[in-house]
Amino acid sequence: MPITTEFEYVKPRDMDEALHVFSLYREKARALAGGTDLVVHLKENLARPEVVVDIKALEELAGFTLKGDVMHIGALVTFADLIDSPLVKAKFPLLWEASLTVASVGVRNRATVAGNICSAVPSADSAPVLAVYDAEVLTRSIRGERRVAIAEWFAGPKKTVLAPDEIVTAVEMKLPAKKHAGCYMKLSRYEGEDLAQGGIAALAFADNTYRLAVCALGPKPARCPKTEAVLNGNKLSDKLVARAKETILQEVSPISDIRSSREYRLHMTQVMLGRVLEKAVARLFGKGPKYGTENIA
């Protein structure tokens, strides 16, 4: 399908030039990094910007680093970059695991983590993992820089708190000081390329505390504080998991659509919760499946 929308194409040489363009055009400008969503939207006339700003040449947005216990992920970092990184696999294996579930190899080679959360679709695979790590989104405009907690980033389906003249420069996540392990599980119609019908990320800590977050089970990805409260301070048991399964139904609000019914999503939310908790705790004690395996429900 060809792109029929007319727009100006700009490829800034540096960040100052890019920010100047966004300050002029604001909501009429769209950033182009991986383009896996934007190009589709242009072809389907869902996006009609006056200017497309190609940010791929901005070197300060590239690459990722671990300084101390903070992972800095530049806005141009793709899911393939994360998958290929021994550092990510060793330090943030939950992020590595979730990255493997994103769409197809071709999409992962171009799609960026920053773009995934800017698209703000309820099924964003990276969002639950970023949520359980209490990640922050770094933004910049000619007015200055901001840090936005991932818990405050999503404003609704396909909506964020990003201002019209801002661009995302990076995502940062802090490695927890306490011993921990995690699991991300995605509900798909088949193993392979598919959007999540539902997804749950869990972190289990050695002090019997837990972090949980979901995607595609409500209007936006979110943590599950009520379910965490039920779990916290307790060793995992069948009785505890049963209580958590009842509680999480108070924190999700899935819809029925072409991919799944609301009732099936509710049922599988409980199934996935039991599985991610079991696997996260098993990994905490050096058991359970390796990261990147058995993560498709």
Protein backbone atom coordinates (compact mmCIF):
# COMPACT_ATOMS: atom_id res chain seq x y z
CA MET A 1 0.00 0.00 0.00
CA PRO A 2 1.55 3.35 -1.00
CA ILE A 3 1.79 6.41 1.22
CA THR A 4 -0.54 9.04 -0.24
CA THR A 5 -0.33 11.56 2.58
CA GLU A 6 1.79 14.59 1.73
CA PHE A 7 4.25 15.87 4.33
CA GLU A 8 7.60 17.56 4.63
CA TYR A 9 10.53 15.29 5.48
CA VAL A 10 13.26 16.67 7.75
CA LYS A 11 16.42 14.91 8.95
CA PRO A 12 17.98 17.07 11.69
CA ARG A 13 21.74 17.17 12.03
CA ASP A 14 21.64 17.61 15.80
CA MET A 15 19.26 17.68 18.74
CA ASP A 16 18.89 21.47 18.74
CA GLU A 17 17.61 21.39 15.17
CA ALA A 18 15.21 18.55 15.96
CA LEU A 19 13.78 20.35 18.99
CA HIS A 20 13.38 23.53 16.98
CA VAL A 21 11.27 21.69 14.40
CA PHE A 22 9.04 20.21 17.10
CA SER A 23 8.68 23.60 18.76
CA LEU A 24 7.42 25.03 15.46
CA TYR A 25 5.12 22.23 14.33
CA ARG A 26 4.16 20.70 17.72
CA GLU A 27 1.30 18.17 17.27
CA LYS A 28 1.66 18.43 13.47
CA ALA A 29 5.12 16.81 13.64
CA ARG A 30 5.86 13.12 14.02
CA ALA A 31 9.20 11.55 14.93
CA LEU A 32 10.57 8.75 12.76
CA ALA A 33 12.89 6.22 14.39
CA GLY A 34 11.98 2.59 13.69
CA GLY A 35 8.81 3.58 11.86
CA THR A 36 7.05 0.27 12.44
CA ASP A 37 3.90 2.06 13.59
CA LEU A 38 4.25 5.41 11.87
CA VAL A 39 4.71 4.03 8.36
CA VAL A 40 1.63 1.84 8.73
CA HIS A 41 -0.38 4.80 10.02
CA LEU A 42 0.78 6.93 7.09
CA LYS A 43 -0.23 4.25 4.60
CA GLU A 44 -3.66 3.89 6.20
CA ASN A 45 -4.13 7.67 6.54
CA LEU A 46 -4.40 7.30 10.32
CA ALA A 47 -1.58 9.83 10.69
CA ARG A 48 -1.50 13.03 8.62
CA PRO A 49 1.46 15.07 9.89
CA GLU A 50 2.72 18.21 8.20
CA VAL A 51 6.31 17.15 8.86
CA VAL A 52 8.05 13.84 9.59
CA VAL A 53 11.22 14.33 11.60
CA ASP A 54 13.78 11.57 10.98
CA ILE A 55 15.78 11.32 14.23
CA LYS A 56 17.90 8.30 13.29
CA ALA A 57 21.05 10.43 12.80
CA LEU A 58 20.99 11.83 16.34
CA GLU A 59 23.89 9.94 17.91
CA GLU A 60 23.05 10.94 21.47
CA LEU A 61 19.83 8.91 21.20
CA ALA A 62 21.69 5.74 20.22
CA GLY A 63 23.03 2.94 22.40
CA PHE A 64 22.53 1.86 25.97
CA THR A 65 24.80 1.89 29.00
CA LEU A 66 24.83 0.55 32.53
CA LYS A 67 26.22 3.11 34.96
CA GLY A 68 26.18 1.80 38.49
CA ASP A 69 22.78 0.19 38.81
CA VAL A 70 20.96 2.30 36.17
CA MET A 71 20.41 1.10 32.62
CA HIS A 72 20.11 3.99 30.14
CA ILE A 73 18.32 2.94 26.94
CA GLY A 74 18.54 5.50 24.16
CA ALA A 75 15.48 6.31 22.09
CA LEU A 76 16.97 4.64 19.01
CA VAL A 77 17.67 1.30 20.70
CA THR A 78 15.73 -1.51 19.07
CA PHE A 79 14.40 -4.71 20.60
CA ALA A 80 16.95 -6.59 18.50
CA ASP A 81 19.69 -4.52 20.15
CA LEU A 82 18.46 -5.63 23.55
CA ILE A 83 18.17 -9.27 22.51
CA ASP A 84 21.72 -9.27 21.13
CA SER A 85 23.19 -7.75 24.30
CA PRO A 86 24.87 -10.07 26.83
CA LEU A 87 24.70 -7.18 29.30
CA VAL A 88 20.91 -6.89 29.07
CA LYS A 89 20.50 -10.65 29.30
CA ALA A 90 22.71 -10.83 32.39
CA LYS A 91 21.46 -7.77 34.28
CA PHE A 92 17.87 -7.35 33.09
CA PRO A 93 16.84 -10.81 31.87
CA LEU A 94 13.15 -9.95 32.24
CA LEU A 95 13.52 -7.15 29.69
CA TRP A 96 15.46 -9.52 27.45
CA GLU A 97 12.70 -12.13 27.77
CA ALA A 98 9.91 -9.69 26.93
CA SER A 99 11.86 -8.37 23.93
CA LEU A 100 11.80 -11.85 22.40
CA THR A 101 8.00 -11.77 22.29
CA VAL A 102 7.68 -8.51 20.33
CA ALA A 103 6.14 -9.12 16.90
CA SER A 104 8.53 -10.71 14.38
CA VAL A 105 12.28 -10.68 13.77
CA GLY A 106 11.86 -8.06 11.06
CA VAL A 107 9.87 -5.76 13.36
CA ARG A 108 12.26 -6.26 16.28
CA ASN A 109 15.14 -5.21 14.03
CA ARG A 110 13.56 -1.77 13.59
CA ALA A 111 11.10 -1.20 16.44
CA THR A 112 12.45 0.80 19.37
CA VAL A 113 11.59 0.55 23.06
CA ALA A 114 10.88 4.30 23.10
CA GLY A 115 8.58 3.96 20.10
CA ASN A 116 6.75 1.08 21.77
CA ILE A 117 5.78 3.19 24.76
CA CYS A 118 5.11 6.29 22.63
CA SER A 119 2.59 4.33 20.56
CA ALA A 120 0.93 3.55 23.90
CA VAL A 121 -1.15 0.67 22.61
CA PRO A 122 -2.61 -1.30 25.55
CA SER A 123 -0.76 -4.42 24.33
CA ALA A 124 2.77 -2.92 24.42
CA ASP A 125 5.01 -5.82 25.46
CA SER A 126 7.74 -3.64 26.96
CA ALA A 127 5.37 -1.71 29.22
CA PRO A 128 4.77 -4.29 32.01
CA VAL A 129 8.50 -4.94 32.34
CA LEU A 130 9.31 -1.24 32.50
CA ALA A 131 6.54 -0.88 35.08
CA VAL A 132 7.87 -3.53 37.47
CA TYR A 133 11.32 -1.94 37.26
CA ASP A 134 9.82 1.51 38.04
CA ALA A 135 11.38 2.87 34.84
CA GLU A 136 11.49 6.55 33.96
CA VAL A 137 10.98 8.14 30.54
CA LEU A 138 13.36 10.98 29.68
CA THR A 139 11.98 13.71 27.43
CA ARG A 140 13.36 16.95 26.00
CA SER A 141 12.08 20.12 24.38
CA ILE A 142 13.47 23.62 23.90
CA ARG A 143 11.94 24.32 27.31
CA GLY A 144 14.16 21.77 29.01
CA GLU A 145 14.22 18.15 30.13
CA ARG A 146 11.72 16.04 32.07
CA ARG A 147 11.69 12.69 33.81
CA VAL A 148 8.34 10.92 33.82
CA ALA A 149 7.68 7.81 35.90
CA ILE A 150 6.40 5.00 33.70
CA ALA A 151 3.41 4.72 36.05
CA GLU A 152 2.38 8.22 34.95
CA TRP A 153 3.35 7.92 31.28
CA PHE A 154 0.27 6.26 29.79
CA ALA A 155 -2.79 8.51 29.69
CA GLY A 156 -5.10 6.04 27.93
CA PRO A 157 -5.27 3.92 24.77
CA LYS A 158 -2.67 5.32 22.35
CA LYS A 159 -2.21 8.38 24.57
CA THR A 160 0.75 9.53 26.66
CA VAL A 161 1.69 12.60 28.66
CA LEU A 162 4.33 13.56 26.07
CA ALA A 163 3.89 17.23 25.21
CA PRO A 164 3.51 18.20 21.52
CA ASP A 165 6.92 19.89 21.43
CA GLU A 166 8.79 17.09 23.24
CA ILE A 167 10.61 14.00 22.09
CA VAL A 168 11.65 10.98 24.12
CA THR A 169 15.42 10.77 24.48
CA ALA A 170 15.77 7.64 26.61
CA VAL A 171 14.25 5.21 29.07
CA GLU A 172 16.05 4.43 32.32
CA MET A 173 15.51 1.55 34.70
CA LYS A 174 17.23 0.79 37.98
CA LEU A 175 18.50 -2.63 38.96
CA PRO A 176 16.91 -3.52 42.32
CA ALA A 177 19.37 -3.89 45.18
CA LYS A 178 17.61 -6.97 46.56
CA LYS A 179 18.00 -10.43 45.06
CA HIS A 180 15.18 -10.98 42.58
CA ALA A 181 14.00 -12.89 39.55
CA GLY A 182 11.16 -12.40 37.12
CA CYS A 183 8.96 -13.75 34.37
CA TYR A 184 7.03 -12.21 31.49
CA MET A 185 4.22 -14.22 29.95
CA LYS A 186 2.28 -13.25 26.86
CA LEU A 187 -1.08 -14.62 25.82
CA SER A 188 -1.09 -15.14 22.05
CA ARG A 189 -3.23 -17.00 19.57
CA TYR A 190 -0.14 -18.92 18.48
CA GLU A 191 3.58 -18.95 19.17
CA GLY A 192 5.19 -16.41 16.91
CA GLU A 193 4.21 -13.02 15.54
CA ASP A 194 1.13 -11.71 17.30
CA LEU A 195 -0.10 -8.85 19.45
CA ALA A 196 -0.69 -9.74 23.07
CA GLN A 197 -4.20 -10.70 24.05
CA GLY A 198 -2.83 -10.23 27.54
CA GLY A 199 0.53 -10.03 29.23
CA ILE A 200 1.82 -10.17 32.80
CA ALA A 201 5.28 -9.33 34.15
CA ALA A 202 6.32 -10.37 37.64
CA LEU A 203 9.34 -9.72 39.82
CA ALA A 204 9.79 -11.86 42.92
CA PHE A 205 12.22 -10.76 45.64
CA ALA A 206 14.08 -12.77 48.26
CA ASP A 207 12.22 -10.93 51.05
CA ASN A 208 8.87 -12.27 49.78
CA THR A 209 7.80 -9.06 48.08
CA TYR A 210 6.47 -8.93 44.56
CA ARG A 211 5.85 -6.54 41.68
CA LEU A 212 3.22 -7.20 39.02
CA ALA A 213 2.15 -5.35 35.89
CA VAL A 214 -0.13 -6.16 32.96
CA CYS A 215 -0.74 -5.17 29.36
CA ALA A 216 -3.70 -5.70 26.99
CA LEU A 217 -5.94 -6.29 30.00
CA GLY A 218 -7.22 -2.73 30.32
CA PRO A 219 -7.12 0.64 28.56
CA LYS A 220 -3.43 1.06 29.39
CA PRO A 221 -0.55 -1.01 30.82
CA ALA A 222 -0.45 -0.77 34.62
CA ARG A 223 0.89 -2.15 37.88
CA CYS A 224 -1.38 -4.26 40.10
CA PRO A 225 -0.96 -2.79 43.62
CA LYS A 226 -3.88 -4.63 45.21
CA THR A 227 -2.57 -8.00 44.07
CA GLU A 228 0.95 -7.07 45.15
CA ALA A 229 -0.40 -6.21 48.60
CA VAL A 230 -2.00 -9.65 48.92
CA LEU A 231 1.29 -11.32 48.01
CA ASN A 232 3.78 -9.15 49.86
CA GLY A 233 5.34 -10.61 52.99
CA ASN A 234 4.24 -14.14 52.21
CA LYS A 235 5.91 -17.20 50.76
CA LEU A 236 4.22 -18.44 47.64
CA SER A 237 1.64 -21.16 48.26
CA ASP A 238 -1.42 -22.52 46.51
CA LYS A 239 -3.67 -20.68 48.95
CA LEU A 240 -1.83 -17.40 48.45
CA VAL A 241 -1.92 -17.71 44.67
CA ALA A 242 -5.64 -18.42 44.80
CA ARG A 243 -6.19 -15.19 46.75
CA ALA A 244 -4.03 -13.28 44.30
CA LYS A 245 -6.00 -14.68 41.36
CA GLU A 246 -9.25 -13.40 42.85
CA THR A 247 -7.73 -10.00 43.61
CA ILE A 248 -6.24 -9.37 40.17
CA LEU A 249 -9.71 -9.54 38.63
CA GLN A 250 -10.43 -6.28 40.49
CA GLU A 251 -7.49 -4.62 38.71
CA VAL A 252 -8.03 -5.59 35.08
CA SER A 253 -10.79 -4.57 32.68
CA PRO A 254 -10.27 -6.42 29.39
CA ILE A 255 -12.48 -5.95 26.37
CA SER A 256 -13.81 -8.33 23.74
CA ASP A 257 -12.34 -7.80 20.29
CA ILE A 258 -11.41 -9.71 17.15
CA ARG A 259 -8.55 -11.47 18.95
CA SER A 260 -10.26 -12.62 22.13
CA SER A 261 -13.34 -12.30 24.31
CA ARG A 262 -13.39 -10.47 27.61
CA GLU A 263 -14.34 -13.67 29.43
CA TYR A 264 -11.41 -15.60 27.97
CA ARG A 265 -8.99 -12.82 28.88
CA LEU A 266 -10.27 -12.78 32.46
CA HIS A 267 -9.84 -16.54 32.74
CA MET A 268 -6.35 -16.46 31.25
CA THR A 269 -5.33 -13.55 33.47
CA GLN A 270 -5.67 -15.87 36.43
CA VAL A 271 -3.92 -18.72 34.63
CA MET A 272 -0.99 -16.50 33.60
CA LEU A 273 -0.70 -14.98 37.05
CA GLY A 274 -0.23 -18.40 38.61
CA ARG A 275 2.37 -19.32 36.01
CA VAL A 276 4.44 -16.13 36.17
CA LEU A 277 4.57 -16.24 39.95
CA GLU A 278 5.59 -19.88 39.97
CA LYS A 279 8.31 -19.33 37.37
CA ALA A 280 9.61 -16.12 38.94
CA VAL A 281 9.98 -17.74 42.35
CA ALA A 282 11.56 -20.86 40.85
CA ARG A 283 14.10 -18.70 39.01
CA LEU A 284 14.80 -16.82 42.24
CA PHE A 285 16.07 -20.09 43.70
CA GLY A 286 17.99 -21.13 40.60
CA LYS A 287 15.30 -23.43 39.25
CA GLY A 288 12.52 -23.15 36.69
CA PRO A 289 12.78 -22.61 32.94
CA LYS A 290 15.52 -20.50 31.42
CA TYR A 291 14.63 -16.94 30.51
CA GLY A 292 13.15 -16.72 27.06
CA THR A 293 11.43 -20.11 27.22
CA GLU A 294 7.86 -21.05 28.09
CA ASN A 295 6.74 -17.41 28.01
CA ILE A 296 3.88 -17.81 25.52
CA ALA A 297 0.61 -18.85 27.16
